[in-house]
Amino acid sequence: MPTYATAEDYLDYTGKSGPADIERRLARASERIDEMLANAIYETDAQGLALDAEERDAMARATCAQAAWTLAVGDEHGTASAFKDVSMGSVRLSRVESKDGSAPRYAQDAVSILLRAGFLIAVMTW
C-alpha cells in the first residue's frame, strides 16, 4: 500500500515539523485515506499513486490532514475518541454520542479535501 505523503508534505501542509515518527504516522494516515478512496476511480502508477498531479496533491494534503488530526486528538488508532469519559477506579466508560453511535475515524479536513477533489460523493443530511 502506498504512503500518500512525506514528512516534507506534512511540513508544507501544517507549517510544523512532525514528531520523530512522522513517516510511520503518515503511513497510518494513508491507510485511513485508502479506506475513503476504496470506491474512487483514478489512474495509478506502479506504486499505486495517482498519475494526475492534482489528484496526487489532494491525496497528500488529505493524508497530512488525517495525520495532524490524529496528533491533535492524541488518538492515532481511533479508539480513545469513542469515549467522552473514562475512569479507572470502579471502571466507568461513557461513549461519545453521535448520530450513528460511532466515534469519528476520519479528519473532517481530510474528508473535505477528498470531496473537493472529486474522490468522494457528498451526502447531505439536514
N, C-alpha and C. Protein backbone atom coordinates (compact mmCIF):
# COMPACT_ATOMS: atom_id res chain seq x y z
N MET A 1 0.84 -1.18 0.00
CA MET A 1 0.00 0.00 0.00
C MET A 1 0.89 1.25 0.00
N PRO A 2 0.55 2.22 -0.82
CA PRO A 2 1.37 3.43 -0.88
C PRO A 2 1.15 4.35 0.31
N THR A 3 2.17 5.13 0.62
CA THR A 3 2.04 6.23 1.57
C THR A 3 1.87 7.47 0.72
N TYR A 4 0.80 8.21 0.94
CA TYR A 4 0.43 9.31 0.06
C TYR A 4 1.14 10.62 0.36
N ALA A 5 1.85 10.72 1.48
CA ALA A 5 2.51 11.98 1.84
C ALA A 5 3.86 11.70 2.50
N THR A 6 4.72 12.71 2.46
CA THR A 6 6.05 12.63 3.06
C THR A 6 6.13 13.61 4.23
N ALA A 7 7.21 13.52 4.98
CA ALA A 7 7.44 14.46 6.08
C ALA A 7 7.50 15.89 5.54
N GLU A 8 8.06 16.06 4.35
CA GLU A 8 8.12 17.40 3.74
C GLU A 8 6.71 17.89 3.40
N ASP A 9 5.85 17.02 2.90
CA ASP A 9 4.46 17.38 2.63
C ASP A 9 3.78 17.83 3.92
N TYR A 10 4.04 17.09 5.01
CA TYR A 10 3.44 17.43 6.30
C TYR A 10 3.89 18.82 6.75
N LEU A 11 5.15 19.10 6.62
CA LEU A 11 5.68 20.42 6.98
C LEU A 11 5.03 21.51 6.13
N ASP A 12 4.91 21.27 4.82
CA ASP A 12 4.27 22.25 3.93
C ASP A 12 2.82 22.47 4.31
N TYR A 13 2.11 21.40 4.64
CA TYR A 13 0.68 21.48 4.95
C TYR A 13 0.40 22.15 6.30
N THR A 14 1.17 21.75 7.32
CA THR A 14 0.89 22.23 8.67
C THR A 14 1.74 23.42 9.10
N GLY A 15 2.88 23.59 8.42
CA GLY A 15 3.81 24.64 8.84
C GLY A 15 4.64 24.22 10.04
N LYS A 16 4.54 22.95 10.42
CA LYS A 16 5.28 22.43 11.57
C LYS A 16 5.95 21.11 11.19
N SER A 17 7.11 20.88 11.77
CA SER A 17 7.74 19.57 11.62
C SER A 17 6.92 18.57 12.42
N GLY A 18 6.79 17.40 11.91
CA GLY A 18 6.07 16.38 12.65
C GLY A 18 6.94 15.78 13.74
N PRO A 19 6.38 14.88 14.52
CA PRO A 19 7.17 14.20 15.55
C PRO A 19 8.21 13.29 14.89
N ALA A 20 9.08 12.73 15.68
CA ALA A 20 10.16 11.88 15.17
C ALA A 20 9.62 10.71 14.34
N ASP A 21 8.43 10.24 14.65
CA ASP A 21 7.85 9.10 13.92
C ASP A 21 6.83 9.53 12.85
N ILE A 22 7.02 10.71 12.28
CA ILE A 22 6.03 11.23 11.33
C ILE A 22 5.85 10.32 10.11
N GLU A 23 6.90 9.69 9.63
CA GLU A 23 6.75 8.81 8.47
C GLU A 23 5.80 7.65 8.79
N ARG A 24 5.93 7.08 9.98
CA ARG A 24 5.03 5.99 10.39
C ARG A 24 3.60 6.51 10.52
N ARG A 25 3.46 7.70 11.08
CA ARG A 25 2.13 8.28 11.25
C ARG A 25 1.48 8.60 9.91
N LEU A 26 2.29 9.04 8.95
CA LEU A 26 1.76 9.30 7.62
C LEU A 26 1.35 8.01 6.93
N ALA A 27 2.09 6.95 7.18
CA ALA A 27 1.72 5.64 6.63
C ALA A 27 0.38 5.19 7.22
N ARG A 28 0.21 5.41 8.51
CA ARG A 28 -1.06 5.05 9.18
C ARG A 28 -2.20 5.92 8.64
N ALA A 29 -1.94 7.21 8.48
CA ALA A 29 -2.95 8.11 7.92
C ALA A 29 -3.30 7.71 6.49
N SER A 30 -2.30 7.25 5.74
CA SER A 30 -2.55 6.78 4.37
C SER A 30 -3.52 5.61 4.35
N GLU A 31 -3.46 4.77 5.37
CA GLU A 31 -4.41 3.66 5.48
C GLU A 31 -5.83 4.18 5.59
N ARG A 32 -6.03 5.22 6.40
CA ARG A 32 -7.36 5.82 6.55
C ARG A 32 -7.82 6.44 5.23
N ILE A 33 -6.91 7.14 4.53
CA ILE A 33 -7.24 7.75 3.25
C ILE A 33 -7.58 6.67 2.24
N ASP A 34 -6.82 5.59 2.26
CA ASP A 34 -7.07 4.47 1.36
C ASP A 34 -8.48 3.90 1.58
N GLU A 35 -8.93 3.86 2.83
CA GLU A 35 -10.29 3.40 3.12
C GLU A 35 -11.31 4.30 2.44
N MET A 36 -11.09 5.62 2.53
CA MET A 36 -12.03 6.56 1.92
C MET A 36 -11.99 6.50 0.40
N LEU A 37 -10.87 6.10 -0.16
CA LEU A 37 -10.71 6.03 -1.62
C LEU A 37 -11.10 4.67 -2.20
N ALA A 38 -11.64 3.80 -1.37
CA ALA A 38 -11.92 2.42 -1.78
C ALA A 38 -12.75 2.33 -3.06
N ASN A 39 -13.68 3.25 -3.27
CA ASN A 39 -14.54 3.20 -4.45
C ASN A 39 -14.18 4.26 -5.49
N ALA A 40 -13.11 4.99 -5.25
CA ALA A 40 -12.70 6.03 -6.19
C ALA A 40 -12.01 5.40 -7.40
N ILE A 41 -12.21 6.03 -8.54
CA ILE A 41 -11.59 5.54 -9.78
C ILE A 41 -10.63 6.61 -10.27
N TYR A 42 -9.36 6.22 -10.39
CA TYR A 42 -8.32 7.12 -10.87
C TYR A 42 -7.16 6.28 -11.37
N GLU A 43 -6.40 6.83 -12.29
CA GLU A 43 -5.25 6.12 -12.84
C GLU A 43 -4.08 6.18 -11.86
N THR A 44 -3.34 5.07 -11.77
CA THR A 44 -2.22 5.00 -10.84
C THR A 44 -0.95 4.55 -11.55
N ASP A 45 0.17 4.83 -10.88
CA ASP A 45 1.46 4.34 -11.37
C ASP A 45 1.73 2.97 -10.74
N ALA A 46 2.90 2.44 -10.94
CA ALA A 46 3.25 1.10 -10.43
C ALA A 46 3.23 1.03 -8.90
N GLN A 47 3.42 2.17 -8.23
CA GLN A 47 3.41 2.19 -6.77
C GLN A 47 2.00 2.41 -6.20
N GLY A 48 1.02 2.59 -7.06
CA GLY A 48 -0.35 2.81 -6.60
C GLY A 48 -0.68 4.27 -6.33
N LEU A 49 0.19 5.19 -6.74
CA LEU A 49 -0.06 6.62 -6.56
C LEU A 49 -0.77 7.18 -7.78
N ALA A 50 -1.62 8.18 -7.57
CA ALA A 50 -2.36 8.80 -8.66
C ALA A 50 -1.41 9.39 -9.69
N LEU A 51 -1.72 9.19 -10.95
CA LEU A 51 -0.91 9.77 -12.03
C LEU A 51 -1.18 11.27 -12.17
N ASP A 52 -2.43 11.68 -11.98
CA ASP A 52 -2.79 13.08 -12.11
C ASP A 52 -2.21 13.88 -10.95
N ALA A 53 -1.49 14.96 -11.27
CA ALA A 53 -0.81 15.76 -10.24
C ALA A 53 -1.78 16.37 -9.24
N GLU A 54 -2.94 16.83 -9.69
CA GLU A 54 -3.92 17.43 -8.77
C GLU A 54 -4.51 16.37 -7.83
N GLU A 55 -4.78 15.20 -8.36
CA GLU A 55 -5.29 14.11 -7.52
C GLU A 55 -4.24 13.69 -6.50
N ARG A 56 -3.01 13.58 -6.95
CA ARG A 56 -1.90 13.19 -6.07
C ARG A 56 -1.72 14.22 -4.95
N ASP A 57 -1.83 15.50 -5.30
CA ASP A 57 -1.72 16.58 -4.31
C ASP A 57 -2.85 16.51 -3.29
N ALA A 58 -4.06 16.27 -3.76
CA ALA A 58 -5.21 16.15 -2.85
C ALA A 58 -5.02 14.98 -1.89
N MET A 59 -4.52 13.88 -2.39
CA MET A 59 -4.29 12.71 -1.54
C MET A 59 -3.21 13.01 -0.49
N ALA A 60 -2.17 13.72 -0.88
CA ALA A 60 -1.10 14.08 0.07
C ALA A 60 -1.64 15.03 1.14
N ARG A 61 -2.41 16.06 0.72
CA ARG A 61 -2.96 17.00 1.69
C ARG A 61 -3.94 16.32 2.63
N ALA A 62 -4.78 15.43 2.11
CA ALA A 62 -5.72 14.70 2.95
C ALA A 62 -4.99 13.82 3.95
N THR A 63 -3.91 13.20 3.52
CA THR A 63 -3.11 12.36 4.42
C THR A 63 -2.50 13.21 5.52
N CYS A 64 -1.98 14.37 5.17
CA CYS A 64 -1.40 15.27 6.17
C CYS A 64 -2.47 15.76 7.15
N ALA A 65 -3.66 16.05 6.62
CA ALA A 65 -4.76 16.48 7.49
C ALA A 65 -5.15 15.37 8.45
N GLN A 66 -5.19 14.14 7.96
CA GLN A 66 -5.52 13.00 8.81
C GLN A 66 -4.46 12.81 9.89
N ALA A 67 -3.20 12.88 9.51
CA ALA A 67 -2.12 12.72 10.49
C ALA A 67 -2.15 13.84 11.53
N ALA A 68 -2.34 15.07 11.07
CA ALA A 68 -2.39 16.21 12.00
C ALA A 68 -3.56 16.07 12.98
N TRP A 69 -4.68 15.60 12.49
CA TRP A 69 -5.87 15.41 13.33
C TRP A 69 -5.61 14.35 14.40
N THR A 70 -5.01 13.22 14.00
CA THR A 70 -4.76 12.18 14.99
C THR A 70 -3.75 12.64 16.03
N LEU A 71 -2.79 13.46 15.61
CA LEU A 71 -1.85 14.03 16.58
C LEU A 71 -2.56 15.01 17.52
N ALA A 72 -3.45 15.82 16.97
CA ALA A 72 -4.16 16.81 17.78
C ALA A 72 -5.08 16.18 18.81
N VAL A 73 -5.77 15.10 18.42
CA VAL A 73 -6.68 14.45 19.36
C VAL A 73 -5.99 13.39 20.20
N GLY A 74 -4.73 13.08 19.84
CA GLY A 74 -3.98 12.11 20.63
C GLY A 74 -4.53 10.70 20.52
N ASP A 75 -5.10 10.38 19.37
CA ASP A 75 -5.75 9.09 19.21
C ASP A 75 -5.48 8.53 17.82
N GLU A 76 -4.30 8.02 17.63
CA GLU A 76 -3.86 7.52 16.32
C GLU A 76 -4.72 6.38 15.79
N HIS A 77 -5.25 5.57 16.67
CA HIS A 77 -5.99 4.38 16.25
C HIS A 77 -7.50 4.56 16.28
N GLY A 78 -7.97 5.72 16.72
CA GLY A 78 -9.41 5.98 16.73
C GLY A 78 -10.17 5.24 17.81
N THR A 79 -9.49 4.82 18.85
CA THR A 79 -10.18 4.08 19.90
C THR A 79 -10.56 4.97 21.08
N ALA A 80 -9.66 5.83 21.51
CA ALA A 80 -9.94 6.67 22.67
C ALA A 80 -11.04 7.68 22.38
N SER A 81 -11.16 8.13 21.13
CA SER A 81 -12.18 9.12 20.80
C SER A 81 -13.59 8.54 20.87
N ALA A 82 -13.71 7.25 21.07
CA ALA A 82 -15.02 6.62 21.20
C ALA A 82 -15.64 6.91 22.57
N PHE A 83 -14.83 7.41 23.50
CA PHE A 83 -15.31 7.65 24.85
C PHE A 83 -15.16 9.12 25.23
N LYS A 84 -16.20 9.68 25.85
CA LYS A 84 -16.10 11.06 26.32
C LYS A 84 -15.63 11.10 27.76
N ASP A 85 -15.75 9.99 28.46
CA ASP A 85 -15.34 9.94 29.86
C ASP A 85 -14.86 8.54 30.19
N VAL A 86 -13.68 8.46 30.81
CA VAL A 86 -13.12 7.17 31.20
C VAL A 86 -12.61 7.30 32.63
N SER A 87 -12.96 6.36 33.49
CA SER A 87 -12.46 6.31 34.86
C SER A 87 -11.88 4.92 35.09
N MET A 88 -10.90 4.82 35.98
CA MET A 88 -10.31 3.51 36.23
C MET A 88 -10.83 2.87 37.52
N GLY A 89 -10.94 3.63 38.59
CA GLY A 89 -11.49 3.09 39.83
C GLY A 89 -12.96 2.75 39.63
N SER A 90 -13.34 1.53 39.82
CA SER A 90 -14.69 1.02 39.58
C SER A 90 -15.09 1.14 38.10
N VAL A 91 -14.16 1.20 37.25
CA VAL A 91 -14.29 1.29 35.79
C VAL A 91 -15.62 1.90 35.33
N ARG A 92 -15.54 3.08 34.77
CA ARG A 92 -16.72 3.79 34.25
C ARG A 92 -16.36 4.37 32.89
N LEU A 93 -17.05 3.94 31.86
CA LEU A 93 -16.81 4.43 30.50
C LEU A 93 -18.10 5.03 29.95
N SER A 94 -18.00 6.18 29.30
CA SER A 94 -19.15 6.79 28.64
C SER A 94 -18.81 7.00 27.18
N ARG A 95 -19.60 6.42 26.32
CA ARG A 95 -19.37 6.54 24.88
C ARG A 95 -19.71 7.94 24.38
N VAL A 96 -18.99 8.34 23.33
CA VAL A 96 -19.28 9.59 22.64
C VAL A 96 -20.63 9.44 21.97
N GLU A 97 -21.46 10.47 22.06
CA GLU A 97 -22.75 10.43 21.39
C GLU A 97 -22.60 10.99 19.98
N SER A 98 -23.09 10.25 19.01
CA SER A 98 -23.08 10.70 17.63
C SER A 98 -24.34 10.18 16.95
N LYS A 99 -24.58 10.65 15.73
CA LYS A 99 -25.79 10.24 15.01
C LYS A 99 -25.87 8.73 14.84
N ASP A 100 -24.74 8.11 14.53
CA ASP A 100 -24.77 6.67 14.29
C ASP A 100 -24.15 5.86 15.44
N GLY A 101 -23.76 6.53 16.52
CA GLY A 101 -23.22 5.86 17.68
C GLY A 101 -21.75 5.52 17.59
N SER A 102 -21.09 5.96 16.54
CA SER A 102 -19.68 5.64 16.40
C SER A 102 -18.81 6.87 16.58
N ALA A 103 -17.57 6.64 16.92
CA ALA A 103 -16.60 7.72 17.09
C ALA A 103 -16.05 8.11 15.72
N PRO A 104 -15.62 9.35 15.57
CA PRO A 104 -15.05 9.75 14.28
C PRO A 104 -13.77 8.97 13.98
N ARG A 105 -13.62 8.55 12.74
CA ARG A 105 -12.44 7.80 12.30
C ARG A 105 -11.59 8.63 11.35
N TYR A 106 -12.25 9.62 10.70
CA TYR A 106 -11.59 10.41 9.68
C TYR A 106 -11.62 11.89 10.05
N ALA A 107 -10.51 12.56 9.73
CA ALA A 107 -10.43 14.01 9.95
C ALA A 107 -11.37 14.71 8.99
N GLN A 108 -12.17 15.64 9.50
CA GLN A 108 -13.10 16.36 8.64
C GLN A 108 -12.37 17.11 7.53
N ASP A 109 -11.20 17.65 7.82
CA ASP A 109 -10.43 18.33 6.78
C ASP A 109 -10.02 17.36 5.67
N ALA A 110 -9.65 16.14 6.03
CA ALA A 110 -9.29 15.14 5.03
C ALA A 110 -10.49 14.80 4.16
N VAL A 111 -11.64 14.64 4.78
CA VAL A 111 -12.87 14.35 4.04
C VAL A 111 -13.17 15.50 3.07
N SER A 112 -13.07 16.74 3.55
CA SER A 112 -13.34 17.91 2.71
C SER A 112 -12.40 17.99 1.52
N ILE A 113 -11.14 17.72 1.75
CA ILE A 113 -10.16 17.76 0.65
C ILE A 113 -10.52 16.72 -0.41
N LEU A 114 -10.84 15.51 0.02
CA LEU A 114 -11.18 14.46 -0.94
C LEU A 114 -12.51 14.73 -1.64
N LEU A 115 -13.45 15.36 -0.94
CA LEU A 115 -14.71 15.75 -1.57
C LEU A 115 -14.47 16.77 -2.68
N ARG A 116 -13.71 17.82 -2.35
CA ARG A 116 -13.44 18.88 -3.34
C ARG A 116 -12.65 18.35 -4.53
N ALA A 117 -11.83 17.33 -4.31
CA ALA A 117 -11.04 16.76 -5.40
C ALA A 117 -11.86 15.81 -6.27
N GLY A 118 -13.08 15.51 -5.84
CA GLY A 118 -13.96 14.64 -6.62
C GLY A 118 -13.83 13.16 -6.34
N PHE A 119 -13.09 12.81 -5.30
CA PHE A 119 -12.93 11.40 -4.94
C PHE A 119 -14.14 10.84 -4.21
N LEU A 120 -14.85 11.69 -3.48
CA LEU A 120 -15.98 11.26 -2.66
C LEU A 120 -17.24 11.96 -3.13
N ILE A 121 -18.37 11.36 -2.83
CA ILE A 121 -19.66 11.95 -3.13
C ILE A 121 -20.25 12.45 -1.83
N ALA A 122 -20.65 13.72 -1.83
CA ALA A 122 -21.24 14.30 -0.61
C ALA A 122 -22.66 13.80 -0.43
N VAL A 123 -22.96 13.39 0.78
CA VAL A 123 -24.32 13.01 1.15
C VAL A 123 -24.72 13.95 2.27
N MET A 124 -25.64 14.83 1.97
CA MET A 124 -26.05 15.83 2.96
C MET A 124 -27.30 15.33 3.70
N THR A 125 -27.27 15.44 5.00
CA THR A 125 -28.44 15.15 5.80
C THR A 125 -28.74 16.41 6.60
N TRP A 126 -29.91 16.92 6.45
CA TRP A 126 -30.28 18.18 7.13
C TRP A 126 -31.22 17.90 8.25
